[in-house]
Amino acid sequence: MASITRYTPFDETFDDLFKGFLVRPLAFESAAPVQIRIDVSEDDGAYTVHADVPGVKKEDINVTIEGNQVAISAEVRRTRDEKNADKVVHAERFVGKAYRAFSLAQDVDETQAHAKYADGVLELRLPKKSVVSARKLAIQ
């Protein structure tokens, strides 16, 4: 028995050629989203987090700690002006927010945590909460 196949006069390469044409938004160089990249290390008493947050003032960075959840957010403002004599020839501005949240294996002691920001790198020292060990009850 013969199977019926559909004949298309145009090859599928034409479909791929025009797929998404004038539909995708254009990406501009200055509007690239800022990503917060992190490294987390652990020792017996604390976690150390290094987060890359380049081009941001330390006043625009917020860190929140809730149990074992840590969130870092930053407001990014970038401006670039190209001037020719007194006239502005080209100007690009970008304002946005960057956000990164992650969970740690153990709860963090928020009262002892501290942060330091220098050269675009945020360093967090997050001491672990002491684990309450189970206590054996004596039966009377």
N, C-alpha and C. Protein backbone atom coordinates (compact mmCIF):
# COMPACT_ATOMS: atom_id res chain seq x y z
N MET A 1 0.84 -1.16 0.00
CA MET A 1 0.00 0.00 0.00
C MET A 1 0.89 1.24 0.00
N ALA A 2 0.57 2.18 -0.83
CA ALA A 2 1.37 3.39 -0.95
C ALA A 2 0.91 4.42 0.07
N SER A 3 1.86 5.12 0.63
CA SER A 3 1.49 6.17 1.59
C SER A 3 1.41 7.50 0.86
N ILE A 4 0.57 8.34 1.34
CA ILE A 4 0.38 9.66 0.73
C ILE A 4 1.30 10.64 1.43
N THR A 5 2.06 11.38 0.64
CA THR A 5 2.94 12.41 1.18
C THR A 5 2.55 13.75 0.62
N ARG A 6 2.76 14.76 1.39
CA ARG A 6 2.41 16.11 0.98
C ARG A 6 3.57 16.72 0.23
N TYR A 7 3.28 17.31 -0.90
CA TYR A 7 4.30 17.95 -1.72
C TYR A 7 4.32 19.44 -1.44
N THR A 8 5.50 19.96 -1.11
CA THR A 8 5.66 21.40 -0.95
C THR A 8 6.62 21.89 -2.01
N PRO A 9 6.21 22.90 -2.77
CA PRO A 9 7.07 23.36 -3.85
C PRO A 9 8.34 24.06 -3.35
N PHE A 10 8.30 24.58 -2.14
CA PHE A 10 9.47 25.26 -1.60
C PHE A 10 10.18 24.34 -0.63
N ASP A 11 11.45 24.33 -0.72
CA ASP A 11 12.26 23.51 0.17
C ASP A 11 12.17 24.06 1.60
N GLU A 12 12.44 23.24 2.59
CA GLU A 12 12.37 23.68 3.98
C GLU A 12 13.43 24.71 4.31
N THR A 13 14.45 24.82 3.51
CA THR A 13 15.49 25.81 3.78
C THR A 13 14.93 27.22 3.66
N PHE A 14 13.93 27.43 2.81
CA PHE A 14 13.30 28.74 2.72
C PHE A 14 12.56 29.08 4.01
N ASP A 15 11.92 28.05 4.59
CA ASP A 15 11.23 28.28 5.85
C ASP A 15 12.21 28.70 6.94
N ASP A 16 13.35 28.02 6.99
CA ASP A 16 14.36 28.36 8.00
C ASP A 16 14.98 29.72 7.74
N LEU A 17 15.08 30.09 6.48
CA LEU A 17 15.67 31.37 6.13
C LEU A 17 14.84 32.53 6.64
N PHE A 18 13.53 32.43 6.52
CA PHE A 18 12.67 33.53 6.91
C PHE A 18 12.04 33.36 8.29
N LYS A 19 12.38 32.28 8.95
CA LYS A 19 11.81 32.02 10.27
C LYS A 19 12.28 33.09 11.25
N GLY A 20 11.35 33.78 11.86
CA GLY A 20 11.67 34.81 12.83
C GLY A 20 12.12 36.12 12.23
N PHE A 21 12.02 36.26 10.93
CA PHE A 21 12.45 37.50 10.28
C PHE A 21 11.56 38.65 10.72
N LEU A 22 12.13 39.72 11.20
CA LEU A 22 11.45 40.91 11.71
C LEU A 22 10.52 40.62 12.90
N VAL A 23 10.77 39.52 13.56
CA VAL A 23 9.96 39.19 14.73
C VAL A 23 10.79 39.29 15.99
N ARG A 24 12.04 38.93 15.94
CA ARG A 24 12.90 38.96 17.11
C ARG A 24 13.29 40.40 17.43
N PRO A 25 13.35 40.73 18.71
CA PRO A 25 13.81 42.07 19.07
C PRO A 25 15.31 42.20 18.81
N LEU A 26 15.71 43.38 18.50
CA LEU A 26 17.12 43.63 18.26
C LEU A 26 17.84 43.79 19.59
N ALA A 27 19.02 43.27 19.68
CA ALA A 27 19.81 43.39 20.91
C ALA A 27 20.84 44.50 20.71
N PHE A 28 20.88 45.41 21.65
CA PHE A 28 21.84 46.49 21.60
C PHE A 28 22.97 46.20 22.57
N GLU A 29 24.13 46.66 22.22
CA GLU A 29 25.32 46.38 23.00
C GLU A 29 25.20 46.92 24.42
N SER A 30 24.66 48.11 24.60
CA SER A 30 24.61 48.72 25.92
C SER A 30 23.47 48.18 26.78
N ALA A 31 22.51 47.50 26.19
CA ALA A 31 21.36 47.01 26.94
C ALA A 31 21.54 45.56 27.40
N ALA A 32 22.77 45.09 27.41
CA ALA A 32 23.01 43.72 27.83
C ALA A 32 22.67 43.58 29.31
N PRO A 33 21.93 42.55 29.67
CA PRO A 33 21.56 42.40 31.07
C PRO A 33 22.78 42.10 31.93
N VAL A 34 22.77 42.65 33.11
CA VAL A 34 23.85 42.42 34.05
C VAL A 34 23.56 41.13 34.79
N GLN A 35 24.52 40.26 34.84
CA GLN A 35 24.37 39.00 35.55
C GLN A 35 25.28 39.00 36.77
N ILE A 36 24.74 38.56 37.88
CA ILE A 36 25.53 38.45 39.09
C ILE A 36 26.08 37.02 39.12
N ARG A 37 27.36 36.90 38.98
CA ARG A 37 28.00 35.58 39.01
C ARG A 37 28.62 35.38 40.39
N ILE A 38 28.44 34.17 40.93
CA ILE A 38 28.88 33.93 42.30
C ILE A 38 29.78 32.71 42.41
N ASP A 39 30.63 32.73 43.42
CA ASP A 39 31.42 31.58 43.86
C ASP A 39 31.12 31.41 45.34
N VAL A 40 30.79 30.20 45.76
CA VAL A 40 30.49 29.92 47.16
C VAL A 40 31.48 28.88 47.65
N SER A 41 32.14 29.20 48.76
CA SER A 41 33.04 28.24 49.39
C SER A 41 32.59 28.05 50.83
N GLU A 42 33.00 26.95 51.41
CA GLU A 42 32.53 26.59 52.75
C GLU A 42 33.68 26.08 53.58
N ASP A 43 33.72 26.49 54.85
CA ASP A 43 34.62 25.87 55.81
C ASP A 43 33.76 25.38 56.98
N ASP A 44 34.39 24.98 58.07
CA ASP A 44 33.62 24.41 59.18
C ASP A 44 32.64 25.39 59.81
N GLY A 45 32.99 26.67 59.81
CA GLY A 45 32.15 27.62 60.53
C GLY A 45 31.34 28.59 59.70
N ALA A 46 31.64 28.71 58.40
CA ALA A 46 30.96 29.75 57.62
C ALA A 46 31.02 29.46 56.12
N TYR A 47 30.16 30.16 55.41
CA TYR A 47 30.19 30.19 53.95
C TYR A 47 30.82 31.51 53.53
N THR A 48 31.59 31.48 52.46
CA THR A 48 32.13 32.70 51.87
C THR A 48 31.62 32.79 50.45
N VAL A 49 31.00 33.92 50.12
CA VAL A 49 30.42 34.13 48.80
C VAL A 49 31.15 35.30 48.15
N HIS A 50 31.63 35.09 46.93
CA HIS A 50 32.19 36.16 46.10
C HIS A 50 31.24 36.36 44.93
N ALA A 51 30.70 37.56 44.81
CA ALA A 51 29.74 37.87 43.74
C ALA A 51 30.28 39.00 42.88
N ASP A 52 30.31 38.80 41.57
CA ASP A 52 30.74 39.84 40.64
C ASP A 52 29.56 40.76 40.35
N VAL A 53 29.69 42.02 40.75
CA VAL A 53 28.67 43.03 40.49
C VAL A 53 29.40 44.27 39.97
N PRO A 54 29.89 44.22 38.72
CA PRO A 54 30.71 45.32 38.21
C PRO A 54 29.90 46.56 37.87
N GLY A 55 30.50 47.71 38.08
CA GLY A 55 29.90 48.97 37.68
C GLY A 55 28.73 49.42 38.53
N VAL A 56 28.63 48.92 39.75
CA VAL A 56 27.53 49.26 40.64
C VAL A 56 28.09 49.90 41.90
N LYS A 57 27.43 50.93 42.39
CA LYS A 57 27.84 51.54 43.65
C LYS A 57 27.39 50.66 44.80
N LYS A 58 28.15 50.68 45.90
CA LYS A 58 27.79 49.80 47.02
C LYS A 58 26.46 50.20 47.66
N GLU A 59 26.04 51.45 47.49
CA GLU A 59 24.75 51.88 48.01
C GLU A 59 23.58 51.27 47.24
N ASP A 60 23.84 50.80 46.02
CA ASP A 60 22.79 50.23 45.18
C ASP A 60 22.71 48.70 45.28
N ILE A 61 23.46 48.11 46.20
CA ILE A 61 23.45 46.65 46.37
C ILE A 61 22.70 46.32 47.65
N ASN A 62 21.80 45.34 47.57
CA ASN A 62 21.05 44.87 48.74
C ASN A 62 21.26 43.38 48.89
N VAL A 63 21.50 42.96 50.13
CA VAL A 63 21.65 41.54 50.45
C VAL A 63 20.64 41.20 51.54
N THR A 64 19.85 40.17 51.31
CA THR A 64 18.90 39.72 52.32
C THR A 64 19.18 38.25 52.64
N ILE A 65 19.07 37.94 53.94
CA ILE A 65 19.31 36.58 54.41
C ILE A 65 18.09 36.15 55.21
N GLU A 66 17.55 35.01 54.85
CA GLU A 66 16.41 34.46 55.58
C GLU A 66 16.61 32.96 55.71
N GLY A 67 17.05 32.54 56.88
CA GLY A 67 17.34 31.12 57.09
C GLY A 67 18.54 30.70 56.27
N ASN A 68 18.32 29.79 55.31
CA ASN A 68 19.41 29.38 54.43
C ASN A 68 19.29 30.02 53.04
N GLN A 69 18.35 30.94 52.87
CA GLN A 69 18.14 31.63 51.60
C GLN A 69 18.91 32.95 51.60
N VAL A 70 19.69 33.18 50.56
CA VAL A 70 20.44 34.42 50.40
C VAL A 70 20.04 35.04 49.06
N ALA A 71 19.75 36.34 49.07
CA ALA A 71 19.38 37.05 47.84
C ALA A 71 20.24 38.30 47.70
N ILE A 72 20.75 38.50 46.50
CA ILE A 72 21.56 39.69 46.19
C ILE A 72 20.86 40.41 45.05
N SER A 73 20.60 41.71 45.25
CA SER A 73 20.01 42.51 44.18
C SER A 73 20.81 43.80 44.04
N ALA A 74 20.85 44.30 42.82
CA ALA A 74 21.62 45.51 42.54
C ALA A 74 20.90 46.32 41.48
N GLU A 75 20.92 47.63 41.64
CA GLU A 75 20.36 48.53 40.64
C GLU A 75 21.51 49.06 39.79
N VAL A 76 21.41 48.84 38.49
CA VAL A 76 22.49 49.17 37.56
C VAL A 76 22.11 50.41 36.77
N ARG A 77 23.03 51.34 36.72
CA ARG A 77 22.85 52.55 35.90
C ARG A 77 24.11 52.73 35.07
N ARG A 78 23.94 52.66 33.77
CA ARG A 78 25.08 52.86 32.87
C ARG A 78 24.75 53.95 31.88
N THR A 79 25.67 54.86 31.71
CA THR A 79 25.51 55.90 30.70
C THR A 79 26.79 56.00 29.90
N ARG A 80 26.62 56.28 28.62
CA ARG A 80 27.78 56.48 27.74
C ARG A 80 27.42 57.56 26.74
N ASP A 81 28.15 58.62 26.73
CA ASP A 81 27.93 59.72 25.80
C ASP A 81 29.17 59.90 24.93
N GLU A 82 28.94 60.04 23.66
CA GLU A 82 30.03 60.35 22.74
C GLU A 82 29.79 61.77 22.23
N LYS A 83 30.74 62.64 22.50
CA LYS A 83 30.57 64.04 22.15
C LYS A 83 31.53 64.44 21.04
N ASN A 84 31.07 65.32 20.20
CA ASN A 84 31.88 65.92 19.16
C ASN A 84 31.80 67.42 19.39
N ALA A 85 32.85 68.00 19.92
CA ALA A 85 32.88 69.40 20.35
C ALA A 85 31.84 69.59 21.44
N ASP A 86 30.81 70.41 21.22
CA ASP A 86 29.80 70.66 22.24
C ASP A 86 28.51 69.90 22.00
N LYS A 87 28.41 69.22 20.88
CA LYS A 87 27.18 68.50 20.56
C LYS A 87 27.32 67.02 20.94
N VAL A 88 26.25 66.46 21.44
CA VAL A 88 26.21 65.03 21.73
C VAL A 88 25.87 64.31 20.43
N VAL A 89 26.77 63.47 19.99
CA VAL A 89 26.59 62.75 18.74
C VAL A 89 25.86 61.43 18.97
N HIS A 90 26.18 60.79 20.08
CA HIS A 90 25.62 59.46 20.35
C HIS A 90 25.49 59.30 21.86
N ALA A 91 24.33 58.85 22.32
CA ALA A 91 24.12 58.62 23.76
C ALA A 91 23.35 57.32 23.95
N GLU A 92 23.83 56.49 24.86
CA GLU A 92 23.13 55.26 25.20
C GLU A 92 23.05 55.16 26.71
N ARG A 93 21.87 54.83 27.20
CA ARG A 93 21.65 54.73 28.63
C ARG A 93 20.99 53.40 28.94
N PHE A 94 21.35 52.86 30.09
CA PHE A 94 20.77 51.60 30.53
C PHE A 94 20.52 51.68 32.02
N VAL A 95 19.32 51.39 32.41
CA VAL A 95 18.96 51.31 33.82
C VAL A 95 18.22 50.01 34.01
N GLY A 96 18.60 49.26 35.01
CA GLY A 96 17.93 47.99 35.24
C GLY A 96 18.31 47.41 36.59
N LYS A 97 17.77 46.25 36.86
CA LYS A 97 18.05 45.56 38.11
C LYS A 97 18.63 44.19 37.82
N ALA A 98 19.53 43.77 38.68
CA ALA A 98 20.08 42.42 38.62
C ALA A 98 19.73 41.74 39.93
N TYR A 99 19.41 40.45 39.85
CA TYR A 99 18.96 39.74 41.03
C TYR A 99 19.50 38.31 40.99
N ARG A 100 19.94 37.83 42.14
CA ARG A 100 20.42 36.45 42.25
C ARG A 100 20.06 35.92 43.62
N ALA A 101 19.43 34.77 43.68
CA ALA A 101 19.07 34.14 44.94
C ALA A 101 19.53 32.69 44.92
N PHE A 102 19.92 32.19 46.07
CA PHE A 102 20.38 30.82 46.17
C PHE A 102 20.17 30.30 47.59
N SER A 103 20.19 28.99 47.72
CA SER A 103 20.02 28.33 49.01
C SER A 103 21.33 27.68 49.43
N LEU A 104 21.58 27.71 50.72
CA LEU A 104 22.75 27.05 51.28
C LEU A 104 22.30 25.81 52.04
N ALA A 105 23.21 24.92 52.32
CA ALA A 105 22.86 23.66 52.97
C ALA A 105 22.47 23.85 54.43
N GLN A 106 22.95 24.91 55.05
CA GLN A 106 22.69 25.12 56.48
C GLN A 106 22.24 26.57 56.69
N ASP A 107 21.45 26.81 57.73
CA ASP A 107 20.99 28.16 58.04
C ASP A 107 22.17 29.07 58.37
N VAL A 108 21.98 30.37 58.10
CA VAL A 108 23.02 31.37 58.31
C VAL A 108 22.67 32.20 59.53
N ASP A 109 23.67 32.53 60.33
CA ASP A 109 23.50 33.42 61.48
C ASP A 109 23.57 34.86 60.97
N GLU A 110 22.39 35.48 60.79
CA GLU A 110 22.32 36.82 60.19
C GLU A 110 23.02 37.88 61.04
N THR A 111 23.04 37.69 62.36
CA THR A 111 23.62 38.71 63.25
C THR A 111 25.13 38.78 63.11
N GLN A 112 25.79 37.70 62.72
CA GLN A 112 27.24 37.67 62.60
C GLN A 112 27.73 37.85 61.16
N ALA A 113 26.82 37.89 60.20
CA ALA A 113 27.20 38.00 58.78
C ALA A 113 27.72 39.40 58.49
N HIS A 114 28.68 39.47 57.58
CA HIS A 114 29.16 40.79 57.14
C HIS A 114 29.50 40.76 55.65
N ALA A 115 29.48 41.95 55.05
CA ALA A 115 29.71 42.09 53.61
C ALA A 115 30.76 43.15 53.36
N LYS A 116 31.52 42.96 52.28
CA LYS A 116 32.55 43.92 51.88
C LYS A 116 32.49 44.03 50.35
N TYR A 117 32.58 45.25 49.83
CA TYR A 117 32.50 45.47 48.38
C TYR A 117 33.71 46.28 47.94
N ALA A 118 34.47 45.71 47.01
CA ALA A 118 35.64 46.42 46.47
C ALA A 118 35.92 45.93 45.06
N ASP A 119 36.22 46.86 44.17
CA ASP A 119 36.60 46.55 42.78
C ASP A 119 35.59 45.69 42.05
N GLY A 120 34.30 45.94 42.28
CA GLY A 120 33.26 45.21 41.57
C GLY A 120 32.96 43.83 42.11
N VAL A 121 33.58 43.45 43.23
CA VAL A 121 33.36 42.13 43.82
C VAL A 121 32.78 42.30 45.22
N LEU A 122 31.63 41.68 45.43
CA LEU A 122 30.98 41.68 46.74
C LEU A 122 31.40 40.40 47.46
N GLU A 123 31.94 40.56 48.67
CA GLU A 123 32.35 39.41 49.46
C GLU A 123 31.46 39.31 50.68
N LEU A 124 30.80 38.17 50.84
CA LEU A 124 29.94 37.92 51.98
C LEU A 124 30.56 36.84 52.85
N ARG A 125 30.60 37.09 54.13
CA ARG A 125 31.03 36.07 55.11
C ARG A 125 29.78 35.71 55.90
N LEU A 126 29.29 34.50 55.71
CA LEU A 126 28.02 34.06 56.28
C LEU A 126 28.26 32.92 57.27
N PRO A 127 28.37 33.23 58.57
CA PRO A 127 28.59 32.17 59.56
C PRO A 127 27.39 31.24 59.67
N LYS A 128 27.66 29.98 59.88
CA LYS A 128 26.60 28.99 60.02
C LYS A 128 26.01 29.08 61.42
N LYS A 129 24.71 28.83 61.50
CA LYS A 129 24.07 28.74 62.81
C LYS A 129 24.48 27.42 63.43
N SER A 130 24.68 27.45 64.74
CA SER A 130 25.06 26.21 65.40
C SER A 130 23.88 25.26 65.37
N VAL A 131 24.16 24.04 65.06
CA VAL A 131 23.12 23.02 64.97
C VAL A 131 22.82 22.53 66.37
N VAL A 132 21.55 22.55 66.71
CA VAL A 132 21.14 22.06 68.01
C VAL A 132 21.09 20.54 67.91
N SER A 133 21.92 19.91 68.72
CA SER A 133 21.93 18.45 68.65
C SER A 133 20.77 17.87 69.44
N ALA A 134 20.37 16.72 69.07
CA ALA A 134 19.25 16.07 69.74
C ALA A 134 19.68 15.68 71.15
N ARG A 135 18.78 15.87 72.07
CA ARG A 135 19.05 15.56 73.46
C ARG A 135 18.27 14.33 73.86
N LYS A 136 18.93 13.42 74.52
CA LYS A 136 18.25 12.20 74.96
C LYS A 136 17.60 12.45 76.31
N LEU A 137 16.33 12.13 76.37
CA LEU A 137 15.60 12.32 77.62
C LEU A 137 15.67 11.05 78.45
N ALA A 138 15.86 11.25 79.70
CA ALA A 138 15.85 10.12 80.63
C ALA A 138 14.41 9.82 80.99
N ILE A 139 14.07 8.59 80.94
CA ILE A 139 12.69 8.17 81.24
C ILE A 139 12.62 7.83 82.72
N GLN A 140 11.64 8.39 83.41
CA GLN A 140 11.49 8.16 84.86
C GLN A 140 10.42 7.15 85.15
